[in-house]
PDB file of N, CA and C in Angstrom:
ATOM      1  N   UNK A   1     -12.650 -18.983  37.160  1.00  0.00           N
ATOM      2  CA  UNK A   1     -13.254 -19.934  38.072  1.00  0.00           C
ATOM      3  C   UNK A   1     -13.529 -21.257  37.362  1.00  0.00           C
ATOM      4  N   UNK A   2     -14.022 -21.185  36.110  1.00  0.00           N
ATOM      5  CA  UNK A   2     -14.323 -22.409  35.381  1.00  0.00           C
ATOM      6  C   UNK A   2     -13.069 -23.237  35.181  1.00  0.00           C
ATOM      7  N   UNK A   3     -11.996 -22.598  34.705  1.00  0.00           N
ATOM      8  CA  UNK A   3     -10.750 -23.320  34.447  1.00  0.00           C
ATOM      9  C   UNK A   3     -10.207 -23.946  35.729  1.00  0.00           C
ATOM     10  N   UNK A   4     -10.160 -23.202  36.788  1.00  0.00           N
ATOM     11  CA  UNK A   4      -9.639 -23.705  38.053  1.00  0.00           C
ATOM     12  C   UNK A   4     -10.469 -24.883  38.547  1.00  0.00           C
ATOM     13  N   UNK A   5     -11.778 -24.858  38.324  1.00  0.00           N
ATOM     14  CA  UNK A   5     -12.642 -25.966  38.768  1.00  0.00           C
ATOM     15  C   UNK A   5     -12.343 -27.260  38.015  1.00  0.00           C
ATOM     16  N   UNK A   6     -11.732 -27.187  36.852  1.00  0.00           N
ATOM     17  CA  UNK A   6     -11.418 -28.367  36.037  1.00  0.00           C
ATOM     18  C   UNK A   6     -10.022 -28.934  36.309  1.00  0.00           C
ATOM     19  N   UNK A   7      -9.194 -28.193  37.044  1.00  0.00           N
ATOM     20  CA  UNK A   7      -7.797 -28.576  37.243  1.00  0.00           C
ATOM     21  C   UNK A   7      -7.583 -29.368  38.523  1.00  0.00           C
ATOM     22  N   UNK A   8      -6.627 -30.311  38.499  1.00  0.00           N
ATOM     23  CA  UNK A   8      -6.247 -30.978  39.748  1.00  0.00           C
ATOM     24  C   UNK A   8      -5.435 -30.029  40.619  1.00  0.00           C
ATOM     25  N   UNK A   9      -5.250 -30.385  41.865  1.00  0.00           N
ATOM     26  CA  UNK A   9      -4.476 -29.541  42.773  1.00  0.00           C
ATOM     27  C   UNK A   9      -3.005 -29.578  42.343  1.00  0.00           C
ATOM     28  N   UNK A  10      -2.540 -28.469  41.763  1.00  0.00           N
ATOM     29  CA  UNK A  10      -1.165 -28.373  41.268  1.00  0.00           C
ATOM     30  C   UNK A  10      -0.915 -26.934  40.826  1.00  0.00           C
ATOM     31  N   UNK A  11       0.303 -26.673  40.371  1.00  0.00           N
ATOM     32  CA  UNK A  11       0.660 -25.382  39.784  1.00  0.00           C
ATOM     33  C   UNK A  11       0.892 -25.569  38.300  1.00  0.00           C
ATOM     34  N   UNK A  12       0.463 -24.584  37.504  1.00  0.00           N
ATOM     35  CA  UNK A  12       0.525 -24.682  36.048  1.00  0.00           C
ATOM     36  C   UNK A  12       1.143 -23.424  35.458  1.00  0.00           C
ATOM     37  N   UNK A  13       2.044 -23.593  34.492  1.00  0.00           N
ATOM     38  CA  UNK A  13       2.557 -22.438  33.751  1.00  0.00           C
ATOM     39  C   UNK A  13       1.424 -21.867  32.912  1.00  0.00           C
ATOM     40  N   UNK A  14       1.373 -20.552  32.806  1.00  0.00           N
ATOM     41  CA  UNK A  14       0.287 -19.906  32.066  1.00  0.00           C
ATOM     42  C   UNK A  14       0.712 -19.356  30.716  1.00  0.00           C
ATOM     43  N   UNK A  15       2.014 -19.207  30.467  1.00  0.00           N
ATOM     44  CA  UNK A  15       2.490 -18.560  29.243  1.00  0.00           C
ATOM     45  C   UNK A  15       2.731 -17.074  29.447  1.00  0.00           C
ATOM     46  N   UNK A  16       2.484 -16.577  30.646  1.00  0.00           N
ATOM     47  CA  UNK A  16       2.730 -15.177  30.986  1.00  0.00           C
ATOM     48  C   UNK A  16       4.082 -15.099  31.681  1.00  0.00           C
ATOM     49  N   UNK A  17       4.933 -14.202  31.226  1.00  0.00           N
ATOM     50  CA  UNK A  17       6.239 -14.050  31.850  1.00  0.00           C
ATOM     51  C   UNK A  17       6.575 -12.576  31.989  1.00  0.00           C
ATOM     52  N   UNK A  18       7.577 -12.286  32.802  1.00  0.00           N
ATOM     53  CA  UNK A  18       7.878 -10.900  33.091  1.00  0.00           C
ATOM     54  C   UNK A  18       9.349 -10.571  33.128  1.00  0.00           C
ATOM     55  N   UNK A  19       9.604  -9.271  33.076  1.00  0.00           N
ATOM     56  CA  UNK A  19      10.946  -8.712  33.140  1.00  0.00           C
ATOM     57  C   UNK A  19      10.979  -7.649  34.223  1.00  0.00           C
ATOM     58  N   UNK A  20      12.167  -7.189  34.539  1.00  0.00           N
ATOM     59  CA  UNK A  20      12.355  -6.099  35.510  1.00  0.00           C
ATOM     60  C   UNK A  20      11.621  -6.379  36.810  1.00  0.00           C
ATOM     61  N   UNK A  21      11.957  -7.477  37.446  1.00  0.00           N
ATOM     62  CA  UNK A  21      11.360  -7.888  38.715  1.00  0.00           C
ATOM     63  C   UNK A  21       9.843  -8.085  38.601  1.00  0.00           C
ATOM     64  N   UNK A  22       9.411  -8.556  37.455  1.00  0.00           N
ATOM     65  CA  UNK A  22       7.997  -8.855  37.181  1.00  0.00           C
ATOM     66  C   UNK A  22       7.118  -7.611  37.153  1.00  0.00           C
ATOM     67  N   UNK A  23       7.681  -6.459  36.866  1.00  0.00           N
ATOM     68  CA  UNK A  23       6.866  -5.253  36.756  1.00  0.00           C
ATOM     69  C   UNK A  23       6.338  -5.068  35.340  1.00  0.00           C
ATOM     70  N   UNK A  24       6.958  -5.711  34.353  1.00  0.00           N
ATOM     71  CA  UNK A  24       6.492  -5.683  32.967  1.00  0.00           C
ATOM     72  C   UNK A  24       6.222  -7.115  32.550  1.00  0.00           C
ATOM     73  N   UNK A  25       4.973  -7.410  32.182  1.00  0.00           N
ATOM     74  CA  UNK A  25       4.564  -8.769  31.816  1.00  0.00           C
ATOM     75  C   UNK A  25       4.183  -8.846  30.349  1.00  0.00           C
ATOM     76  N   UNK A  26       4.254 -10.073  29.814  1.00  0.00           N
ATOM     77  CA  UNK A  26       3.882 -10.281  28.413  1.00  0.00           C
ATOM     78  C   UNK A  26       3.516 -11.752  28.221  1.00  0.00           C
ATOM     79  N   UNK A  27       2.547 -12.013  27.343  1.00  0.00           N
ATOM     80  CA  UNK A  27       2.178 -13.385  26.989  1.00  0.00           C
ATOM     81  C   UNK A  27       3.211 -13.938  26.016  1.00  0.00           C
ATOM     82  N   UNK A  28       3.473 -15.223  26.078  1.00  0.00           N
ATOM     83  CA  UNK A  28       4.498 -15.847  25.237  1.00  0.00           C
ATOM     84  C   UNK A  28       4.190 -15.718  23.752  1.00  0.00           C
ATOM     85  N   UNK A  29       2.936 -15.528  23.380  1.00  0.00           N
ATOM     86  CA  UNK A  29       2.567 -15.412  21.967  1.00  0.00           C
ATOM     87  C   UNK A  29       2.209 -13.981  21.569  1.00  0.00           C
ATOM     88  N   UNK A  30       2.715 -12.995  22.303  1.00  0.00           N
ATOM     89  CA  UNK A  30       2.378 -11.598  22.039  1.00  0.00           C
ATOM     90  C   UNK A  30       3.626 -10.727  22.078  1.00  0.00           C
ATOM     91  N   UNK A  31       3.584  -9.631  21.361  1.00  0.00           N
ATOM     92  CA  UNK A  31       4.676  -8.668  21.372  1.00  0.00           C
ATOM     93  C   UNK A  31       4.392  -7.502  22.308  1.00  0.00           C
ATOM     94  N   UNK A  32       3.196  -7.431  22.855  1.00  0.00           N
ATOM     95  CA  UNK A  32       2.762  -6.252  23.581  1.00  0.00           C
ATOM     96  C   UNK A  32       2.835  -6.435  25.089  1.00  0.00           C
ATOM     97  N   UNK A  33       3.808  -5.807  25.739  1.00  0.00           N
ATOM     98  CA  UNK A  33       3.920  -5.908  27.198  1.00  0.00           C
ATOM     99  C   UNK A  33       2.886  -5.036  27.903  1.00  0.00           C
ATOM    100  N   UNK A  34       2.627  -5.351  29.149  1.00  0.00           N
ATOM    101  CA  UNK A  34       1.767  -4.516  29.980  1.00  0.00           C
ATOM    102  C   UNK A  34       2.308  -4.532  31.401  1.00  0.00           C
ATOM    103  N   UNK A  35       1.951  -3.546  32.183  1.00  0.00           N
ATOM    104  CA  UNK A  35       2.472  -3.425  33.549  1.00  0.00           C
ATOM    105  C   UNK A  35       1.762  -4.407  34.474  1.00  0.00           C
ATOM    106  N   UNK A  36       2.516  -5.009  35.365  1.00  0.00           N
ATOM    107  CA  UNK A  36       1.943  -5.931  36.351  1.00  0.00           C
ATOM    108  C   UNK A  36       1.075  -5.149  37.328  1.00  0.00           C
ATOM    109  N   UNK A  37       0.053  -5.800  37.825  1.00  0.00           N
ATOM    110  CA  UNK A  37      -0.854  -5.168  38.775  1.00  0.00           C
ATOM    111  C   UNK A  37      -0.687  -5.779  40.154  1.00  0.00           C
ATOM    112  N   UNK A  38      -1.452  -5.305  41.061  1.00  0.00           N
ATOM    113  CA  UNK A  38      -1.400  -5.824  42.432  1.00  0.00           C
ATOM    114  C   UNK A  38      -1.917  -7.248  42.538  1.00  0.00           C
ATOM    115  N   UNK A  39      -2.599  -7.747  41.517  1.00  0.00           N
ATOM    116  CA  UNK A  39      -3.149  -9.099  41.583  1.00  0.00           C
ATOM    117  C   UNK A  39      -2.075 -10.166  41.492  1.00  0.00           C
ATOM    118  N   UNK A  40      -0.856  -9.797  41.106  1.00  0.00           N
ATOM    119  CA  UNK A  40       0.208 -10.777  40.928  1.00  0.00           C
ATOM    120  C   UNK A  40       1.100 -10.826  42.164  1.00  0.00           C
ATOM    121  N   UNK A  41       1.126 -11.970  42.798  1.00  0.00           N
ATOM    122  CA  UNK A  41       2.009 -12.179  43.941  1.00  0.00           C
ATOM    123  C   UNK A  41       3.379 -12.590  43.415  1.00  0.00           C
ATOM    124  N   UNK A  42       4.434 -11.901  43.840  1.00  0.00           N
ATOM    125  CA  UNK A  42       5.779 -12.198  43.352  1.00  0.00           C
ATOM    126  C   UNK A  42       6.559 -12.935  44.434  1.00  0.00           C
ATOM    127  N   UNK A  43       6.975 -14.160  44.109  1.00  0.00           N
ATOM    128  CA  UNK A  43       7.758 -14.974  45.020  1.00  0.00           C
ATOM    129  C   UNK A  43       9.168 -14.405  45.149  1.00  0.00           C
ATOM    130  N   UNK A  44       9.772 -14.566  46.314  1.00  0.00           N
ATOM    131  CA  UNK A  44      11.144 -14.080  46.484  1.00  0.00           C
ATOM    132  C   UNK A  44      12.101 -14.794  45.545  1.00  0.00           C
ATOM    133  N   UNK A  45      11.739 -15.982  45.061  1.00  0.00           N
ATOM    134  CA  UNK A  45      12.575 -16.736  44.126  1.00  0.00           C
ATOM    135  C   UNK A  45      12.457 -16.186  42.713  1.00  0.00           C
ATOM    136  N   UNK A  46      11.536 -15.275  42.455  1.00  0.00           N
ATOM    137  CA  UNK A  46      11.359 -14.705  41.120  1.00  0.00           C
ATOM    138  C   UNK A  46      12.142 -13.415  40.946  1.00  0.00           C
ATOM    139  N   UNK A  47      12.743 -12.933  42.002  1.00  0.00           N
ATOM    140  CA  UNK A  47      13.465 -11.667  41.917  1.00  0.00           C
ATOM    141  C   UNK A  47      14.690 -11.861  41.029  1.00  0.00           C
ATOM    142  N   UNK A  48      14.726 -11.150  39.938  1.00  0.00           N
ATOM    143  CA  UNK A  48      15.822 -11.280  38.981  1.00  0.00           C
ATOM    144  C   UNK A  48      15.418 -10.686  37.657  1.00  0.00           C
ATOM    145  N   UNK A  49      16.132 -11.016  36.624  1.00  0.00           N
ATOM    146  CA  UNK A  49      15.883 -10.434  35.314  1.00  0.00           C
ATOM    147  C   UNK A  49      14.595 -10.941  34.682  1.00  0.00           C
ATOM    148  N   UNK A  50      14.204 -12.192  34.949  1.00  0.00           N
ATOM    149  CA  UNK A  50      13.029 -12.764  34.299  1.00  0.00           C
ATOM    150  C   UNK A  50      12.263 -13.651  35.269  1.00  0.00           C
ATOM    151  N   UNK A  51      10.937 -13.635  35.160  1.00  0.00           N
ATOM    152  CA  UNK A  51      10.096 -14.494  35.984  1.00  0.00           C
ATOM    153  C   UNK A  51       8.983 -15.071  35.114  1.00  0.00           C
ATOM    154  N   UNK A  52       8.356 -16.131  35.584  1.00  0.00           N
ATOM    155  CA  UNK A  52       7.229 -16.744  34.880  1.00  0.00           C
ATOM    156  C   UNK A  52       6.046 -16.832  35.838  1.00  0.00           C
ATOM    157  N   UNK A  53       4.828 -16.808  35.285  1.00  0.00           N
ATOM    158  CA  UNK A  53       3.623 -16.772  36.117  1.00  0.00           C
ATOM    159  C   UNK A  53       2.947 -18.136  36.129  1.00  0.00           C
ATOM    160  N   UNK A  54       2.637 -18.602  37.347  1.00  0.00           N
ATOM    161  CA  UNK A  54       1.939 -19.871  37.541  1.00  0.00           C
ATOM    162  C   UNK A  54       0.526 -19.633  38.053  1.00  0.00           C
ATOM    163  N   UNK A  55      -0.395 -20.479  37.616  1.00  0.00           N
ATOM    164  CA  UNK A  55      -1.756 -20.529  38.157  1.00  0.00           C
ATOM    165  C   UNK A  55      -1.762 -21.636  39.192  1.00  0.00           C
ATOM    166  N   UNK A  56      -2.172 -21.316  40.400  1.00  0.00           N
ATOM    167  CA  UNK A  56      -2.192 -22.288  41.489  1.00  0.00           C
ATOM    168  C   UNK A  56      -3.609 -22.780  41.713  1.00  0.00           C
ATOM    169  N   UNK A  57      -3.835 -24.071  41.462  1.00  0.00           N
ATOM    170  CA  UNK A  57      -5.156 -24.656  41.663  1.00  0.00           C
ATOM    171  C   UNK A  57      -5.126 -25.458  42.962  1.00  0.00           C
ATOM    172  N   UNK A  58      -6.181 -25.492  43.727  1.00  0.00           N
ATOM    173  CA  UNK A  58      -7.521 -24.991  43.460  1.00  0.00           C
ATOM    174  C   UNK A  58      -7.759 -23.553  43.918  1.00  0.00           C
ATOM    175  N   UNK A  59      -6.756 -22.861  44.465  1.00  0.00           N
ATOM    176  CA  UNK A  59      -6.962 -21.489  44.958  1.00  0.00           C
ATOM    177  C   UNK A  59      -7.290 -20.508  43.843  1.00  0.00           C
ATOM    178  N   UNK A  60      -6.708 -20.713  42.653  1.00  0.00           N
ATOM    179  CA  UNK A  60      -6.948 -19.795  41.554  1.00  0.00           C
ATOM    180  C   UNK A  60      -6.054 -18.577  41.587  1.00  0.00           C
ATOM    181  N   UNK A  61      -5.029 -18.594  42.428  1.00  0.00           N
ATOM    182  CA  UNK A  61      -4.135 -17.440  42.521  1.00  0.00           C
ATOM    183  C   UNK A  61      -3.034 -17.521  41.465  1.00  0.00           C
ATOM    184  N   UNK A  62      -2.483 -16.364  41.126  1.00  0.00           N
ATOM    185  CA  UNK A  62      -1.375 -16.288  40.187  1.00  0.00           C
ATOM    186  C   UNK A  62      -0.132 -15.844  40.950  1.00  0.00           C
ATOM    187  N   UNK A  63       0.979 -16.544  40.704  1.00  0.00           N
ATOM    188  CA  UNK A  63       2.226 -16.232  41.389  1.00  0.00           C
ATOM    189  C   UNK A  63       3.357 -16.156  40.387  1.00  0.00           C
ATOM    190  N   UNK A  64       4.182 -15.134  40.502  1.00  0.00           N
ATOM    191  CA  UNK A  64       5.386 -15.012  39.678  1.00  0.00           C
ATOM    192  C   UNK A  64       6.510 -15.747  40.392  1.00  0.00           C
ATOM    193  N   UNK A  65       7.105 -16.707  39.706  1.00  0.00           N
ATOM    194  CA  UNK A  65       8.173 -17.524  40.283  1.00  0.00           C
ATOM    195  C   UNK A  65       9.322 -17.627  39.285  1.00  0.00           C
ATOM    196  N   UNK A  66      10.391 -18.257  39.692  1.00  0.00           N
ATOM    197  CA  UNK A  66      11.522 -18.485  38.796  1.00  0.00           C
ATOM    198  C   UNK A  66      11.083 -19.344  37.612  1.00  0.00           C
ATOM    199  N   UNK A  67      11.541 -19.022  36.434  1.00  0.00           N
ATOM    200  CA  UNK A  67      11.196 -19.788  35.234  1.00  0.00           C
ATOM    201  C   UNK A  67      11.841 -21.171  35.217  1.00  0.00           C
ATOM    202  N   UNK A  68      12.752 -21.420  36.136  1.00  0.00           N
ATOM    203  CA  UNK A  68      13.430 -22.713  36.187  1.00  0.00           C
ATOM    204  C   UNK A  68      12.679 -23.735  37.031  1.00  0.00           C
ATOM    205  N   UNK A  69      11.619 -23.318  37.678  1.00  0.00           N
ATOM    206  CA  UNK A  69      10.808 -24.230  38.479  1.00  0.00           C
ATOM    207  C   UNK A  69      10.059 -25.191  37.567  1.00  0.00           C
ATOM    208  N   UNK A  70       9.814 -26.403  38.029  1.00  0.00           N
ATOM    209  CA  UNK A  70       9.059 -27.376  37.240  1.00  0.00           C
ATOM    210  C   UNK A  70       7.571 -27.243  37.557  1.00  0.00           C
ATOM    211  N   UNK A  71       6.757 -27.299  36.504  1.00  0.00           N
ATOM    212  CA  UNK A  71       5.304 -27.229  36.671  1.00  0.00           C
ATOM    213  C   UNK A  71       4.639 -27.785  35.419  1.00  0.00           C
ATOM    214  N   UNK A  72       3.365 -28.074  35.526  1.00  0.00           N
ATOM    215  CA  UNK A  72       2.575 -28.518  34.371  1.00  0.00           C
ATOM    216  C   UNK A  72       2.254 -27.306  33.503  1.00  0.00           C
ATOM    217  N   UNK A  73       1.702 -27.542  32.325  1.00  0.00           N
ATOM    218  CA  UNK A  73       1.343 -26.465  31.395  1.00  0.00           C
ATOM    219  C   UNK A  73      -0.144 -26.444  31.134  1.00  0.00           C
ATOM    220  N   UNK A  74      -0.662 -25.254  30.899  1.00  0.00           N
ATOM    221  CA  UNK A  74      -2.015 -25.098  30.373  1.00  0.00           C
ATOM    222  C   UNK A  74      -1.825 -24.638  28.927  1.00  0.00           C
ATOM    223  N   UNK A  75      -2.329 -25.414  27.988  1.00  0.00           N
ATOM    224  CA  UNK A  75      -2.116 -25.111  26.569  1.00  0.00           C
ATOM    225  C   UNK A  75      -3.395 -24.651  25.910  1.00  0.00           C
ATOM    226  N   UNK A  76      -3.234 -23.781  24.944  1.00  0.00           N
ATOM    227  CA  UNK A  76      -4.368 -23.302  24.171  1.00  0.00           C
ATOM    228  C   UNK A  76      -4.802 -24.411  23.224  1.00  0.00           C
ATOM    229  N   UNK A  77      -6.091 -24.563  23.041  1.00  0.00           N
ATOM    230  CA  UNK A  77      -6.628 -25.604  22.174  1.00  0.00           C
ATOM    231  C   UNK A  77      -7.575 -24.961  21.164  1.00  0.00           C
ATOM    232  N   UNK A  78      -7.568 -25.451  19.965  1.00  0.00           N
ATOM    233  CA  UNK A  78      -8.454 -24.925  18.934  1.00  0.00           C
ATOM    234  C   UNK A  78      -9.910 -25.153  19.338  1.00  0.00           C
ATOM    235  N   UNK A  79     -10.729 -24.119  19.166  1.00  0.00           N
ATOM    236  CA  UNK A  79     -12.134 -24.222  19.522  1.00  0.00           C
ATOM    237  C   UNK A  79     -12.847 -25.206  18.611  1.00  0.00           C
ATOM    238  N   UNK A  80     -13.719 -26.010  19.184  1.00  0.00           N
ATOM    239  CA  UNK A  80     -14.463 -27.013  18.382  1.00  0.00           C
ATOM    240  C   UNK A  80     -15.827 -26.501  18.014  1.00  0.00           C
TER     241      UNK A  80
END
């Protein structure tokens, strides 16, 4: 909720991507996959070998879409 409250109305790449029709997900900086849950809405355009997950602001929903779609990024920042 905090992050979404700081974002403009847009879609943002999260660094989470998936395989096998988005049933297996993994963070871009991790080796450990996990199974997708019901919280992830899968777009019909994401059906294929690989998908990427977007955060949709201001709704705060997560959607799996084609990795070729254009979107902004949310980047990790060193804690101050």
